[in-house]
N, C-alpha and C. Protein backbone atom coordinates (compact mmCIF):
# COMPACT_ATOMS: atom_id res chain seq x y z
N MET A 1 14.81 6.02 5.10
CA MET A 1 13.85 6.31 4.67
C MET A 1 13.56 6.02 3.76
N LYS A 2 14.19 5.55 2.67
CA LYS A 2 13.63 4.96 1.43
C LYS A 2 12.73 3.91 1.62
N GLU A 3 13.41 3.11 2.47
CA GLU A 3 13.41 1.64 2.62
C GLU A 3 11.96 1.65 3.72
N ASN A 4 11.48 2.36 5.01
CA ASN A 4 10.35 3.02 5.38
C ASN A 4 8.86 3.14 4.18
N LYS A 5 9.47 4.13 3.18
CA LYS A 5 8.37 4.40 2.64
C LYS A 5 8.15 2.74 1.72
N LEU A 6 8.57 2.54 1.28
CA LEU A 6 8.68 1.30 0.19
C LEU A 6 8.08 0.12 1.16
N GLU A 7 8.34 -0.20 2.13
CA GLU A 7 7.55 -1.42 3.48
C GLU A 7 6.15 -0.77 2.84
N LEU A 8 5.97 0.45 3.28
CA LEU A 8 4.50 0.90 4.09
C LEU A 8 3.65 1.10 2.48
N LYS A 9 4.33 1.30 1.30
CA LYS A 9 3.65 1.20 0.29
C LYS A 9 3.29 -0.51 -0.29
N ILE A 10 3.98 -1.25 0.01
CA ILE A 10 3.82 -2.97 0.05
C ILE A 10 3.25 -3.72 0.93
N LYS A 11 2.63 -3.11 1.99
CA LYS A 11 1.77 -2.57 3.02
C LYS A 11 0.54 -2.84 2.68
N GLU A 12 1.03 -1.78 2.16
CA GLU A 12 -0.79 -1.22 2.13
C GLU A 12 -1.75 -2.16 0.94
N LEU A 13 -0.66 -2.10 -0.83
CA LEU A 13 -1.20 -2.93 -1.41
C LEU A 13 -1.69 -4.58 -0.60
N GLN A 14 -0.30 -4.80 0.09
CA GLN A 14 -0.49 -6.33 0.57
C GLN A 14 -1.59 -6.63 0.92
N ASN A 15 -1.94 -5.06 1.86
CA ASN A 15 -4.31 -5.41 2.35
C ASN A 15 -5.04 -6.14 1.17
N LYS A 16 -4.64 -4.92 0.38
CA LYS A 16 -5.72 -4.59 -0.39
C LYS A 16 -6.15 -6.15 -1.12
N ILE A 17 -5.33 -6.82 -1.16
CA ILE A 17 -5.71 -8.94 -1.82
C ILE A 17 -5.32 -9.47 -0.54
N ASN A 18 -5.06 -9.33 0.97
CA ASN A 18 -5.18 -9.88 1.34
C ASN A 18 -3.57 -11.06 1.40
N ALA A 19 -2.72 -10.53 0.53
CA ALA A 19 -2.17 -11.57 0.29
C ALA A 19 -0.98 -12.19 1.37
N PRO A 20 -0.71 -13.20 1.93
CA PRO A 20 -0.16 -13.86 2.92
C PRO A 20 1.47 -12.90 3.31
N TYR A 21 0.97 -13.05 4.44
CA TYR A 21 2.86 -12.36 5.30
C TYR A 21 4.21 -13.05 3.74
N ASN A 22 3.72 -14.27 3.90
CA ASN A 22 5.09 -15.13 3.81
C ASN A 22 5.08 -15.70 1.85
N LEU A 23 4.41 -14.42 0.88
CA LEU A 23 4.38 -14.13 -0.14
C LEU A 23 5.52 -13.01 -0.13
N ILE A 24 5.39 -11.97 0.75
CA ILE A 24 5.97 -10.62 0.92
C ILE A 24 7.63 -10.75 0.86
N PRO A 25 8.14 -9.72 -0.20
CA PRO A 25 9.95 -10.30 -0.08
C PRO A 25 10.40 -8.93 0.98
N GLU A 26 10.96 -9.48 2.25
CA GLU A 26 12.01 -9.07 3.04
C GLU A 26 12.58 -7.81 2.51
N PHE A 27 13.52 -7.17 2.98
CA PHE A 27 14.20 -5.36 2.53
C PHE A 27 15.95 -6.08 3.48
N ASN A 28 16.65 -6.32 1.83
CA ASN A 28 17.92 -6.35 2.56
C ASN A 28 18.46 -7.89 3.34
N ILE A 29 17.46 -8.50 2.92
CA ILE A 29 17.93 -10.03 3.97
C ILE A 29 17.34 -10.95 2.92
N SER A 30 18.27 -12.28 3.02
CA SER A 30 17.73 -13.32 2.01
C SER A 30 17.54 -14.14 3.01
N ASN A 31 16.68 -15.13 2.98
CA ASN A 31 15.91 -15.97 3.48
C ASN A 31 16.76 -17.27 3.50
N ASP A 32 17.60 -17.18 2.30
CA ASP A 32 18.36 -18.31 1.37
C ASP A 32 17.65 -19.38 0.83
N ILE A 33 16.06 -19.21 0.50
CA ILE A 33 15.73 -20.97 0.40
C ILE A 33 14.53 -20.12 -0.50
N ALA A 34 15.02 -19.00 -1.72
CA ALA A 34 14.60 -18.82 -2.83
C ALA A 34 13.44 -17.97 -3.16
N ARG A 35 13.44 -17.61 -1.95
CA ARG A 35 11.96 -16.36 -1.86
C ARG A 35 12.59 -15.02 -1.54
N PRO A 36 11.81 -14.17 -2.89
CA PRO A 36 12.68 -12.58 -3.10
C PRO A 36 13.04 -11.93 -2.39
N PHE A 37 13.79 -10.77 -2.31
CA PHE A 37 13.87 -10.05 -1.18
C PHE A 37 14.54 -8.61 -2.19
N ILE A 38 14.55 -7.19 -1.77
CA ILE A 38 14.55 -6.56 -2.07
C ILE A 38 15.87 -5.92 -1.06
N ASP A 39 16.77 -5.77 -2.33
CA ASP A 39 18.22 -5.14 -1.92
C ASP A 39 18.27 -3.66 -2.79
N ILE A 40 18.37 -2.33 -1.31
CA ILE A 40 17.94 -1.00 -2.01
C ILE A 40 18.98 -0.28 -2.20
N GLY A 41 19.40 0.13 -3.25
CA GLY A 41 20.66 0.60 -3.49
C GLY A 41 20.64 1.88 -2.77
N GLU A 42 21.56 2.49 -3.83
CA GLU A 42 21.91 4.43 -3.83
C GLU A 42 20.76 5.14 -3.87
N GLY A 43 20.59 5.83 -3.86
CA GLY A 43 20.31 6.21 -5.10
C GLY A 43 17.99 6.23 -5.13
N ASP A 44 18.18 5.80 -6.63
CA ASP A 44 16.68 5.51 -6.66
C ASP A 44 16.80 4.11 -7.94
N ILE A 45 18.14 3.57 -6.80
CA ILE A 45 18.36 2.30 -7.19
C ILE A 45 17.80 0.89 -6.48
N PHE A 46 17.20 -0.17 -6.82
CA PHE A 46 15.77 -1.26 -5.61
C PHE A 46 16.86 -2.13 -6.86
N TYR A 47 16.78 -3.32 -6.50
CA TYR A 47 17.49 -4.93 -6.81
C TYR A 47 16.55 -5.75 -6.40
N TYR A 48 15.75 -6.49 -7.13
CA TYR A 48 14.98 -7.69 -6.90
C TYR A 48 16.03 -9.10 -6.69
N VAL A 49 15.68 -9.62 -5.49
CA VAL A 49 16.71 -10.66 -5.70
C VAL A 49 15.74 -11.55 -5.54
N ILE A 50 17.02 -13.36 -5.59
CA ILE A 50 16.29 -14.58 -5.60
C ILE A 50 17.41 -15.25 -5.52
N LYS A 51 18.04 -15.73 -3.82
CA LYS A 51 19.39 -16.27 -3.90
C LYS A 51 18.67 -17.41 -3.13
N GLU A 52 19.70 -18.25 -3.09
CA GLU A 52 19.24 -19.76 -2.52
C GLU A 52 20.40 -20.65 -2.30
N ARG A 53 20.31 -21.88 -1.11
CA ARG A 53 21.89 -21.57 -0.45
C ARG A 53 23.32 -21.00 -1.22
N GLY A 54 23.13 -20.22 -0.81
CA GLY A 54 24.31 -18.86 -0.89
C GLY A 54 24.71 -18.80 -2.40
N LEU A 55 23.96 -18.86 -3.13
CA LEU A 55 24.21 -18.23 -4.90
C LEU A 55 22.62 -17.28 -5.30
N GLU A 56 22.84 -16.61 -5.90
CA GLU A 56 21.68 -15.85 -6.71
C GLU A 56 21.26 -16.10 -7.89
N TYR A 57 20.23 -16.27 -7.97
CA TYR A 57 19.99 -16.84 -8.91
C TYR A 57 19.54 -15.58 -9.99
N GLU A 58 19.07 -14.70 -9.23
CA GLU A 58 18.15 -13.37 -9.80
C GLU A 58 19.06 -12.30 -9.37
N ARG A 59 19.61 -11.59 -10.08
CA ARG A 59 19.41 -10.01 -9.32
C ARG A 59 18.42 -9.23 -10.30
N THR A 60 17.60 -8.73 -10.09
CA THR A 60 17.38 -7.64 -11.58
C THR A 60 17.30 -6.16 -10.28
N LEU A 61 17.69 -5.12 -11.91
CA LEU A 61 17.61 -3.81 -11.06
C LEU A 61 16.64 -3.10 -11.59
N TYR A 62 15.71 -2.25 -10.71
CA TYR A 62 14.81 -1.67 -11.05
C TYR A 62 15.36 -0.01 -10.18
N ARG A 63 15.03 1.27 -11.48
CA ARG A 63 15.27 2.30 -10.93
C ARG A 63 13.82 3.04 -10.96
N ASN A 64 13.48 2.46 -10.61
CA ASN A 64 11.95 2.93 -10.49
C ASN A 64 11.40 2.49 -9.92
N GLU A 65 10.40 2.65 -8.65
CA GLU A 65 9.77 2.25 -7.59
C GLU A 65 8.19 1.73 -8.07
N ASP A 66 8.13 2.29 -8.89
CA ASP A 66 6.76 1.68 -9.27
C ASP A 66 7.12 0.20 -10.02
N GLU A 67 8.02 -0.11 -11.14
CA GLU A 67 8.26 -1.21 -11.91
C GLU A 67 8.34 -2.10 -10.68
N LEU A 68 9.36 -1.74 -9.71
CA LEU A 68 9.39 -3.01 -8.86
C LEU A 68 8.67 -3.34 -8.46
N LEU A 69 7.62 -2.50 -7.61
CA LEU A 69 6.00 -2.79 -7.12
C LEU A 69 5.29 -4.18 -8.03
N TYR A 70 5.42 -3.87 -9.26
CA TYR A 70 4.61 -4.51 -10.20
C TYR A 70 5.02 -5.68 -9.93
N ARG A 71 6.80 -6.44 -10.23
CA ARG A 71 7.33 -7.14 -10.22
C ARG A 71 7.11 -7.71 -9.01
N VAL A 72 7.23 -6.81 -7.50
CA VAL A 72 6.49 -8.26 -6.69
C VAL A 72 5.54 -8.72 -6.26
N PHE A 73 4.33 -8.04 -7.21
CA PHE A 73 3.18 -8.32 -7.50
C PHE A 73 2.47 -8.98 -8.03
N LYS A 74 3.06 -9.28 -9.03
CA LYS A 74 3.44 -9.82 -10.35
C LYS A 74 3.56 -11.33 -9.86
N ASP A 75 4.40 -11.33 -8.61
CA ASP A 75 5.09 -12.99 -8.19
C ASP A 75 3.65 -13.50 -7.20
N VAL A 76 3.26 -12.00 -6.33
CA VAL A 76 3.03 -12.70 -5.26
C VAL A 76 1.36 -13.16 -5.63
N THR A 77 0.57 -12.11 -6.69
CA THR A 77 -0.42 -12.34 -7.52
C THR A 77 -0.87 -13.91 -7.76
N PHE A 78 0.66 -14.46 -8.58
CA PHE A 78 0.61 -15.25 -9.35
C PHE A 78 0.68 -16.23 -8.61
N GLU A 79 1.07 -16.78 -7.19
CA GLU A 79 1.28 -17.38 -6.32
C GLU A 79 -0.16 -18.04 -5.47
N ILE A 80 -1.05 -16.80 -5.40
CA ILE A 80 -2.23 -16.53 -4.67
C ILE A 80 -2.74 -17.70 -5.95
N ALA A 81 -2.99 -16.55 -7.09
CA ALA A 81 -3.89 -17.38 -7.95
C ALA A 81 -3.56 -18.88 -8.80
N THR A 82 -2.14 -19.46 -8.43
CA THR A 82 -2.19 -20.85 -8.57
C THR A 82 -2.09 -21.56 -7.40
N LYS A 83 -2.60 -21.35 -6.07
CA LYS A 83 -3.28 -21.64 -5.31
C LYS A 83 -4.59 -21.87 -5.35
N TYR A 84 -5.56 -20.62 -5.85
CA TYR A 84 -6.34 -20.42 -6.05
C TYR A 84 -7.41 -21.58 -7.37
N GLU A 85 -6.11 -21.79 -8.41
CA GLU A 85 -6.43 -22.63 -9.29
C GLU A 85 -6.66 -24.20 -8.86
N LEU A 86 -5.74 -24.64 -8.28
CA LEU A 86 -5.78 -25.46 -7.82
C LEU A 86 -6.57 -26.29 -6.91
N GLU A 87 -7.46 -25.25 -6.19
CA GLU A 87 -8.72 -25.23 -5.36
C GLU A 87 -10.07 -25.61 -6.19
N ASN A 88 -9.91 -25.01 -7.30
CA ASN A 88 -10.88 -24.74 -8.08
C ASN A 88 -11.13 -25.10 -9.36
N ARG A 89 -9.38 -26.04 -9.51
CA ARG A 89 -9.32 -26.89 -11.02
C ARG A 89 -10.56 -27.47 -12.11
N ASN A 90 -10.71 -27.47 -13.10
CA ASN A 90 -11.84 -27.72 -13.12
C ASN A 90 -10.96 -28.62 -14.94
N ASN A 91 -10.75 -29.73 -14.84
CA ASN A 91 -10.19 -30.75 -15.63
C ASN A 91 -10.38 -30.74 -16.79
N ASP A 92 -11.03 -30.31 -16.98
CA ASP A 92 -11.98 -29.98 -18.78
C ASP A 92 -10.91 -29.28 -19.52
N LYS A 93 -10.50 -27.84 -18.41
CA LYS A 93 -9.49 -26.48 -19.19
C LYS A 93 -8.80 -26.73 -18.95
N ASP A 94 -8.51 -25.74 -20.27
CA ASP A 94 -6.88 -25.17 -19.59
C ASP A 94 -6.70 -24.48 -18.55
N PHE A 95 -5.72 -25.36 -17.71
CA PHE A 95 -5.41 -24.62 -16.07
C PHE A 95 -4.72 -23.60 -16.18
N ARG A 96 -4.44 -22.84 -16.92
CA ARG A 96 -3.56 -21.94 -16.88
C ARG A 96 -5.11 -19.83 -17.57
N ILE A 97 -5.47 -21.30 -18.21
CA ILE A 97 -7.16 -19.88 -18.32
C ILE A 97 -7.67 -19.45 -16.89
N LEU A 98 -7.73 -20.33 -15.55
CA LEU A 98 -8.27 -19.84 -14.82
C LEU A 98 -7.51 -19.39 -13.95
N LEU A 99 -5.76 -19.53 -14.01
CA LEU A 99 -4.78 -18.90 -13.14
C LEU A 99 -4.74 -17.99 -13.37
N PHE A 100 -4.24 -16.96 -14.79
CA PHE A 100 -3.90 -16.66 -15.74
C PHE A 100 -5.46 -15.06 -15.02
N LYS A 101 -6.48 -15.67 -14.90
CA LYS A 101 -8.19 -15.07 -14.75
C LYS A 101 -8.06 -14.28 -13.26
N LYS A 102 -7.05 -14.78 -12.38
CA LYS A 102 -7.56 -14.91 -10.88
C LYS A 102 -6.05 -14.04 -10.90
N GLN A 103 -5.49 -13.77 -11.34
CA GLN A 103 -4.05 -13.11 -11.11
C GLN A 103 -4.30 -11.50 -11.94
N GLU A 104 -4.89 -11.32 -12.84
CA GLU A 104 -5.24 -10.55 -13.55
C GLU A 104 -6.71 -9.78 -12.89
N GLU A 105 -7.15 -10.81 -12.43
CA GLU A 105 -8.48 -10.05 -10.99
C GLU A 105 -7.73 -9.55 -9.81
N LEU A 106 -6.59 -9.78 -9.47
CA LEU A 106 -5.80 -9.17 -8.49
C LEU A 106 -4.97 -8.19 -8.59
N MET A 107 -4.50 -8.03 -9.61
CA MET A 107 -3.49 -6.92 -10.08
C MET A 107 -4.32 -5.73 -10.50
N SER A 108 -5.65 -6.33 -10.82
CA SER A 108 -6.66 -4.63 -11.32
C SER A 108 -6.95 -4.28 -9.34
N LEU A 109 -6.74 -5.30 -9.03
CA LEU A 109 -7.86 -4.37 -7.75
C LEU A 109 -6.52 -3.74 -6.68
N LEU A 110 -5.19 -3.74 -7.12
CA LEU A 110 -3.96 -3.13 -6.98
C LEU A 110 -3.97 -1.91 -7.77
N TYR A 111 -4.12 -2.13 -8.85
CA TYR A 111 -4.28 -0.98 -10.06
C TYR A 111 -4.72 -1.34 -11.01
N LEU A 112 -5.83 -0.18 -11.80
CA LEU A 112 -6.18 -1.27 -12.57
C LEU A 112 -5.39 -0.95 -13.95
N ASP A 113 -4.59 -0.30 -14.56
CA ASP A 113 -3.32 -0.65 -15.30
C ASP A 113 -2.66 -2.03 -15.12
N TRP A 114 -2.27 -2.35 -14.53
CA TRP A 114 -1.49 -3.11 -13.38
C TRP A 114 -2.61 -4.43 -14.24
N GLY A 115 -3.36 -4.30 -14.12
CA GLY A 115 -4.79 -5.78 -14.47
C GLY A 115 -4.41 -5.95 -16.13
N ILE A 116 -4.46 -4.43 -16.72
CA ILE A 116 -4.58 -4.32 -18.34
C ILE A 116 -3.07 -4.90 -18.81
N ARG A 117 -1.80 -4.70 -18.05
CA ARG A 117 -0.41 -4.90 -18.60
C ARG A 117 -0.31 -6.48 -18.18
N ILE A 118 -1.20 -7.04 -17.33
CA ILE A 118 -0.79 -8.88 -16.83
C ILE A 118 -1.53 -9.55 -17.71
N LYS A 119 -2.97 -9.06 -18.19
CA LYS A 119 -3.92 -9.43 -19.15
C LYS A 119 -2.89 -9.96 -20.20
N SER A 120 -2.02 -8.43 -20.80
CA SER A 120 -1.88 -8.15 -21.99
C SER A 120 0.00 -9.47 -22.53
N GLU A 121 0.86 -9.61 -21.05
CA GLU A 121 1.93 -10.26 -21.26
C GLU A 121 1.09 -11.52 -21.12
N ASN A 122 -0.46 -11.56 -20.15
CA ASN A 122 -0.66 -13.48 -20.03
C ASN A 122 -1.11 -13.75 -21.59
N ASP A 123 -2.13 -12.94 -22.19
CA ASP A 123 -2.64 -13.17 -23.51
C ASP A 123 -1.13 -13.64 -24.22
N ARG A 124 -0.06 -13.03 -24.44
CA ARG A 124 0.88 -13.32 -25.28
C ARG A 124 1.49 -14.42 -24.59
N PHE A 125 1.72 -15.03 -23.63
CA PHE A 125 2.43 -16.11 -23.07
C PHE A 125 1.30 -17.11 -23.88
N LEU A 126 -0.02 -16.94 -24.04
CA LEU A 126 -0.89 -18.48 -23.88
C LEU A 126 -1.00 -18.70 -25.82
N LYS A 127 -0.44 -17.38 -26.37
CA LYS A 127 -0.08 -17.33 -27.78
C LYS A 127 0.82 -17.70 -27.98
N ILE A 128 2.06 -18.00 -27.39
CA ILE A 128 3.14 -18.27 -28.03
C ILE A 128 3.03 -20.30 -27.71
N LEU A 129 2.22 -21.00 -27.08
CA LEU A 129 2.08 -21.86 -26.87
C LEU A 129 1.52 -22.65 -27.69
């Protein structure tokens, strides 16, 4: 039941930003080529897993569905924004500025607070460099 509800929510958000199907994680199944998948645990536990060639590279535990959704769409929007930046590259500017702006725009379409949150994360990243 929990899986069906989560799948519907992901599909709803996917449609809001026209995200390609191949960017959306599967449930409880790894394709073994480093595409993320969601492993649904007991109770309110979710795992975001990245596995390749039989090796798990990441298994992040989430106790909150909203935090899991944020992580899923942070990755999805990053992939979309990367493609957008490549197609619209300005060689006179730092490529990350356009990439991050597009990601922030997409996250804001999903939830305004997600857009604000990812902008803050991206701004901190740019300041580090």
